[in-house]
């Protein structure tokens, strides 16, 4: 809390953060992420994410900071191991342990992010090496009603 000369106070960003947000909000770098509106989550995919590298543990903190707003605390990420460099079985994000489970999905480049309240978000992961125009098109396509049928390798 900050005190001003006129005896008024304002809350700091840390104090305004919801108590359940265990990952830093806002993130250091805004993730390149598109999500369907919460009320419009029909289909298989909830959105798409275009990370900046193949290092999952380096990319997750900023992604989780954003997804925590919708999911609450995140405890598990299931990812396609073909898309990432070697990844440990767990990582710590702002003092909170997140379980990391590799799984070879039929829909290549898929990621499941689980919140503690049994909610989850399914993301299409666009490889970091994808050209800007192609990645932007894929991000936008993932949030359209037809995104439930995306199947590419």
C-alpha atoms as a PDB file:
ATOM      1  CA  UNK A   1       0.000   0.000   0.000  1.00  0.00           C
ATOM      2  CA  UNK A   2       1.262   3.453  -0.827  1.00  0.00           C
ATOM      3  CA  UNK A   3       0.556   6.502   1.293  1.00  0.00           C
ATOM      4  CA  UNK A   4       0.187   9.927  -0.266  1.00  0.00           C
ATOM      5  CA  UNK A   5       0.636  13.398   1.203  1.00  0.00           C
ATOM      6  CA  UNK A   6      -3.113  13.909   1.480  1.00  0.00           C
ATOM      7  CA  UNK A   7      -3.376  10.782   3.693  1.00  0.00           C
ATOM      8  CA  UNK A   8      -5.022   8.757   0.926  1.00  0.00           C
ATOM      9  CA  UNK A   9      -3.733   5.316   0.010  1.00  0.00           C
ATOM     10  CA  UNK A  10      -3.493   3.281  -3.167  1.00  0.00           C
ATOM     11  CA  UNK A  11      -2.941  -0.440  -3.529  1.00  0.00           C
ATOM     12  CA  UNK A  12       0.213  -1.689  -5.206  1.00  0.00           C
ATOM     13  CA  UNK A  13      -0.106  -4.128  -8.132  1.00  0.00           C
ATOM     14  CA  UNK A  14       0.977  -6.945  -5.777  1.00  0.00           C
ATOM     15  CA  UNK A  15      -1.935  -6.178  -3.443  1.00  0.00           C
ATOM     16  CA  UNK A  16      -4.454  -6.037  -6.297  1.00  0.00           C
ATOM     17  CA  UNK A  17      -3.442  -9.483  -7.588  1.00  0.00           C
ATOM     18  CA  UNK A  18      -6.066 -12.163  -6.853  1.00  0.00           C
ATOM     19  CA  UNK A  19      -5.016 -14.434  -4.005  1.00  0.00           C
ATOM     20  CA  UNK A  20      -5.202 -17.554  -6.190  1.00  0.00           C
ATOM     21  CA  UNK A  21      -2.757 -16.210  -8.810  1.00  0.00           C
ATOM     22  CA  UNK A  22       0.420 -18.049  -7.936  1.00  0.00           C
ATOM     23  CA  UNK A  23       2.218 -17.223 -11.161  1.00  0.00           C
ATOM     24  CA  UNK A  24       3.430 -13.718 -11.775  1.00  0.00           C
ATOM     25  CA  UNK A  25       0.779 -11.456 -13.186  1.00  0.00           C
ATOM     26  CA  UNK A  26       1.446  -9.762 -15.526  1.00  0.00           C
ATOM     27  CA  UNK A  27       4.042 -11.920 -17.282  1.00  0.00           C
ATOM     28  CA  UNK A  28       7.516 -10.610 -18.108  1.00  0.00           C
ATOM     29  CA  UNK A  29       6.862 -11.140 -21.820  1.00  0.00           C
ATOM     30  CA  UNK A  30       3.350 -11.281 -23.190  1.00  0.00           C
ATOM     31  CA  UNK A  31       2.812 -14.758 -24.650  1.00  0.00           C
ATOM     32  CA  UNK A  32       1.813 -14.994 -28.282  1.00  0.00           C
ATOM     33  CA  UNK A  33      -1.485 -16.635 -27.401  1.00  0.00           C
ATOM     34  CA  UNK A  34      -5.057 -16.677 -28.702  1.00  0.00           C
ATOM     35  CA  UNK A  35      -7.886 -18.174 -26.661  1.00  0.00           C
ATOM     36  CA  UNK A  36     -11.523 -18.680 -27.462  1.00  0.00           C
ATOM     37  CA  UNK A  37     -13.837 -16.687 -25.201  1.00  0.00           C
ATOM     38  CA  UNK A  38     -14.612 -18.669 -22.063  1.00  0.00           C
ATOM     39  CA  UNK A  39     -18.300 -18.909 -23.004  1.00  0.00           C
ATOM     40  CA  UNK A  40     -17.421 -20.185 -26.507  1.00  0.00           C
ATOM     41  CA  UNK A  41     -15.190 -23.158 -25.682  1.00  0.00           C
ATOM     42  CA  UNK A  42     -16.810 -25.698 -28.000  1.00  0.00           C
ATOM     43  CA  UNK A  43     -14.598 -28.079 -29.965  1.00  0.00           C
ATOM     44  CA  UNK A  44     -11.328 -29.741 -29.089  1.00  0.00           C
ATOM     45  CA  UNK A  45      -9.004 -26.752 -29.011  1.00  0.00           C
ATOM     46  CA  UNK A  46      -9.379 -23.762 -26.703  1.00  0.00           C
ATOM     47  CA  UNK A  47      -6.716 -21.733 -28.476  1.00  0.00           C
ATOM     48  CA  UNK A  48      -3.165 -21.612 -29.779  1.00  0.00           C
ATOM     49  CA  UNK A  49       0.217 -20.549 -28.447  1.00  0.00           C
ATOM     50  CA  UNK A  50       3.337 -19.557 -30.373  1.00  0.00           C
ATOM     51  CA  UNK A  51       6.315 -19.813 -27.984  1.00  0.00           C
ATOM     52  CA  UNK A  52       9.592 -18.021 -28.669  1.00  0.00           C
ATOM     53  CA  UNK A  53      11.837 -21.090 -28.212  1.00  0.00           C
ATOM     54  CA  UNK A  54      11.826 -24.903 -27.861  1.00  0.00           C
ATOM     55  CA  UNK A  55      12.704 -24.671 -24.140  1.00  0.00           C
ATOM     56  CA  UNK A  56       9.436 -25.525 -22.382  1.00  0.00           C
ATOM     57  CA  UNK A  57      10.639 -24.583 -18.905  1.00  0.00           C
ATOM     58  CA  UNK A  58      11.772 -21.175 -20.186  1.00  0.00           C
ATOM     59  CA  UNK A  59       8.471 -20.534 -21.976  1.00  0.00           C
ATOM     60  CA  UNK A  60       6.001 -21.749 -19.340  1.00  0.00           C
ATOM     61  CA  UNK A  61       6.263 -18.980 -16.708  1.00  0.00           C
ATOM     62  CA  UNK A  62       4.789 -16.292 -18.968  1.00  0.00           C
ATOM     63  CA  UNK A  63       2.150 -18.634 -20.422  1.00  0.00           C
ATOM     64  CA  UNK A  64       1.067 -19.804 -16.967  1.00  0.00           C
ATOM     65  CA  UNK A  65       0.867 -16.220 -15.715  1.00  0.00           C
ATOM     66  CA  UNK A  66      -1.796 -15.557 -18.347  1.00  0.00           C
ATOM     67  CA  UNK A  67      -3.635 -18.894 -18.062  1.00  0.00           C
ATOM     68  CA  UNK A  68      -3.827 -18.635 -14.272  1.00  0.00           C
ATOM     69  CA  UNK A  69      -6.390 -15.870 -14.740  1.00  0.00           C
ATOM     70  CA  UNK A  70      -8.770 -18.392 -16.352  1.00  0.00           C
ATOM     71  CA  UNK A  71      -7.733 -21.630 -14.619  1.00  0.00           C
ATOM     72  CA  UNK A  72      -6.577 -20.559 -11.174  1.00  0.00           C
ATOM     73  CA  UNK A  73      -3.378 -22.239  -9.946  1.00  0.00           C
ATOM     74  CA  UNK A  74      -1.919 -24.594 -12.543  1.00  0.00           C
ATOM     75  CA  UNK A  75      -0.588 -27.936 -11.352  1.00  0.00           C
ATOM     76  CA  UNK A  76       0.060 -29.940 -14.525  1.00  0.00           C
ATOM     77  CA  UNK A  77       1.036 -29.490 -18.176  1.00  0.00           C
ATOM     78  CA  UNK A  78       0.828 -32.397 -20.646  1.00  0.00           C
ATOM     79  CA  UNK A  79       2.836 -31.657 -23.786  1.00  0.00           C
ATOM     80  CA  UNK A  80       3.939 -33.274 -27.041  1.00  0.00           C
ATOM     81  CA  UNK A  81       7.618 -34.249 -26.498  1.00  0.00           C
ATOM     82  CA  UNK A  82       8.382 -34.040 -30.231  1.00  0.00           C
ATOM     83  CA  UNK A  83       7.927 -30.277 -30.055  1.00  0.00           C
ATOM     84  CA  UNK A  84      10.298 -29.434 -27.217  1.00  0.00           C
ATOM     85  CA  UNK A  85      13.915 -29.935 -26.217  1.00  0.00           C
ATOM     86  CA  UNK A  86      14.582 -32.241 -23.259  1.00  0.00           C
ATOM     87  CA  UNK A  87      12.271 -31.302 -20.414  1.00  0.00           C
ATOM     88  CA  UNK A  88      12.339 -32.351 -16.740  1.00  0.00           C
ATOM     89  CA  UNK A  89       9.347 -34.059 -15.077  1.00  0.00           C
ATOM     90  CA  UNK A  90       8.515 -30.904 -13.153  1.00  0.00           C
ATOM     91  CA  UNK A  91       9.405 -27.261 -12.963  1.00  0.00           C
ATOM     92  CA  UNK A  92       9.031 -24.526 -10.414  1.00  0.00           C
ATOM     93  CA  UNK A  93       7.279 -21.356 -11.490  1.00  0.00           C
ATOM     94  CA  UNK A  94       7.390 -18.568  -8.898  1.00  0.00           C
ATOM     95  CA  UNK A  95       7.849 -21.048  -6.069  1.00  0.00           C
ATOM     96  CA  UNK A  96       5.012 -23.305  -7.271  1.00  0.00           C
ATOM     97  CA  UNK A  97       5.734 -26.826  -8.601  1.00  0.00           C
ATOM     98  CA  UNK A  98       4.138 -27.713 -11.939  1.00  0.00           C
ATOM     99  CA  UNK A  99       4.151 -31.330 -13.116  1.00  0.00           C
ATOM    100  CA  UNK A 100       5.297 -31.791 -16.746  1.00  0.00           C
ATOM    101  CA  UNK A 101       4.121 -34.931 -18.536  1.00  0.00           C
ATOM    102  CA  UNK A 102       5.168 -35.819 -22.090  1.00  0.00           C
ATOM    103  CA  UNK A 103       2.548 -37.513 -24.255  1.00  0.00           C
ATOM    104  CA  UNK A 104       2.654 -38.147 -28.026  1.00  0.00           C
ATOM    105  CA  UNK A 105      -0.685 -36.666 -29.086  1.00  0.00           C
ATOM    106  CA  UNK A 106      -2.473 -37.735 -32.262  1.00  0.00           C
ATOM    107  CA  UNK A 107      -3.038 -34.048 -32.979  1.00  0.00           C
ATOM    108  CA  UNK A 108       0.630 -33.001 -33.185  1.00  0.00           C
ATOM    109  CA  UNK A 109       1.752 -29.982 -31.144  1.00  0.00           C
ATOM    110  CA  UNK A 110      -1.022 -30.234 -28.572  1.00  0.00           C
ATOM    111  CA  UNK A 111      -0.727 -29.144 -24.947  1.00  0.00           C
ATOM    112  CA  UNK A 112      -3.107 -29.669 -22.017  1.00  0.00           C
ATOM    113  CA  UNK A 113      -2.858 -27.184 -19.136  1.00  0.00           C
ATOM    114  CA  UNK A 114      -4.662 -28.275 -15.947  1.00  0.00           C
ATOM    115  CA  UNK A 115      -5.887 -25.945 -13.229  1.00  0.00           C
ATOM    116  CA  UNK A 116      -6.415 -27.076  -9.643  1.00  0.00           C
ATOM    117  CA  UNK A 117     -10.202 -26.798  -9.948  1.00  0.00           C
ATOM    118  CA  UNK A 118     -10.395 -29.615 -12.549  1.00  0.00           C
ATOM    119  CA  UNK A 119     -10.590 -27.171 -15.424  1.00  0.00           C
ATOM    120  CA  UNK A 120      -8.240 -27.400 -18.391  1.00  0.00           C
ATOM    121  CA  UNK A 121      -7.250 -25.583 -21.535  1.00  0.00           C
ATOM    122  CA  UNK A 122      -6.185 -27.428 -24.691  1.00  0.00           C
ATOM    123  CA  UNK A 123      -3.750 -25.495 -26.865  1.00  0.00           C
ATOM    124  CA  UNK A 124      -2.339 -25.993 -30.303  1.00  0.00           C
ATOM    125  CA  UNK A 125       1.365 -25.157 -30.040  1.00  0.00           C
ATOM    126  CA  UNK A 126       2.812 -23.471 -33.096  1.00  0.00           C
ATOM    127  CA  UNK A 127       6.542 -24.258 -33.406  1.00  0.00           C
ATOM    128  CA  UNK A 128       8.750 -21.321 -32.452  1.00  0.00           C
ATOM    129  CA  UNK A 129      10.540 -21.506 -35.809  1.00  0.00           C
ATOM    130  CA  UNK A 130       7.321 -20.879 -37.771  1.00  0.00           C
ATOM    131  CA  UNK A 131       7.351 -17.844 -40.061  1.00  0.00           C
ATOM    132  CA  UNK A 132       5.455 -14.818 -38.704  1.00  0.00           C
ATOM    133  CA  UNK A 133       2.666 -14.813 -41.301  1.00  0.00           C
ATOM    134  CA  UNK A 134       2.094 -18.568 -41.035  1.00  0.00           C
ATOM    135  CA  UNK A 135       2.087 -18.463 -37.234  1.00  0.00           C
ATOM    136  CA  UNK A 136      -0.352 -15.549 -37.162  1.00  0.00           C
ATOM    137  CA  UNK A 137      -2.716 -17.412 -39.500  1.00  0.00           C
ATOM    138  CA  UNK A 138      -2.512 -20.527 -37.289  1.00  0.00           C
ATOM    139  CA  UNK A 139      -3.145 -18.487 -34.132  1.00  0.00           C
ATOM    140  CA  UNK A 140      -6.259 -16.947 -35.657  1.00  0.00           C
ATOM    141  CA  UNK A 141      -7.512 -20.263 -37.084  1.00  0.00           C
ATOM    142  CA  UNK A 142      -7.324 -21.933 -33.659  1.00  0.00           C
ATOM    143  CA  UNK A 143     -10.020 -19.671 -32.244  1.00  0.00           C
ATOM    144  CA  UNK A 144     -12.525 -20.139 -35.058  1.00  0.00           C
ATOM    145  CA  UNK A 145     -15.447 -22.592 -34.731  1.00  0.00           C
ATOM    146  CA  UNK A 146     -13.771 -24.907 -37.272  1.00  0.00           C
ATOM    147  CA  UNK A 147     -10.677 -25.280 -35.038  1.00  0.00           C
ATOM    148  CA  UNK A 148     -12.041 -28.503 -33.571  1.00  0.00           C
ATOM    149  CA  UNK A 149     -11.062 -30.239 -36.799  1.00  0.00           C
ATOM    150  CA  UNK A 150      -7.487 -28.930 -37.164  1.00  0.00           C
ATOM    151  CA  UNK A 151      -5.237 -31.845 -38.024  1.00  0.00           C
ATOM    152  CA  UNK A 152      -1.810 -31.152 -39.417  1.00  0.00           C
ATOM    153  CA  UNK A 153       1.762 -32.289 -38.955  1.00  0.00           C
END
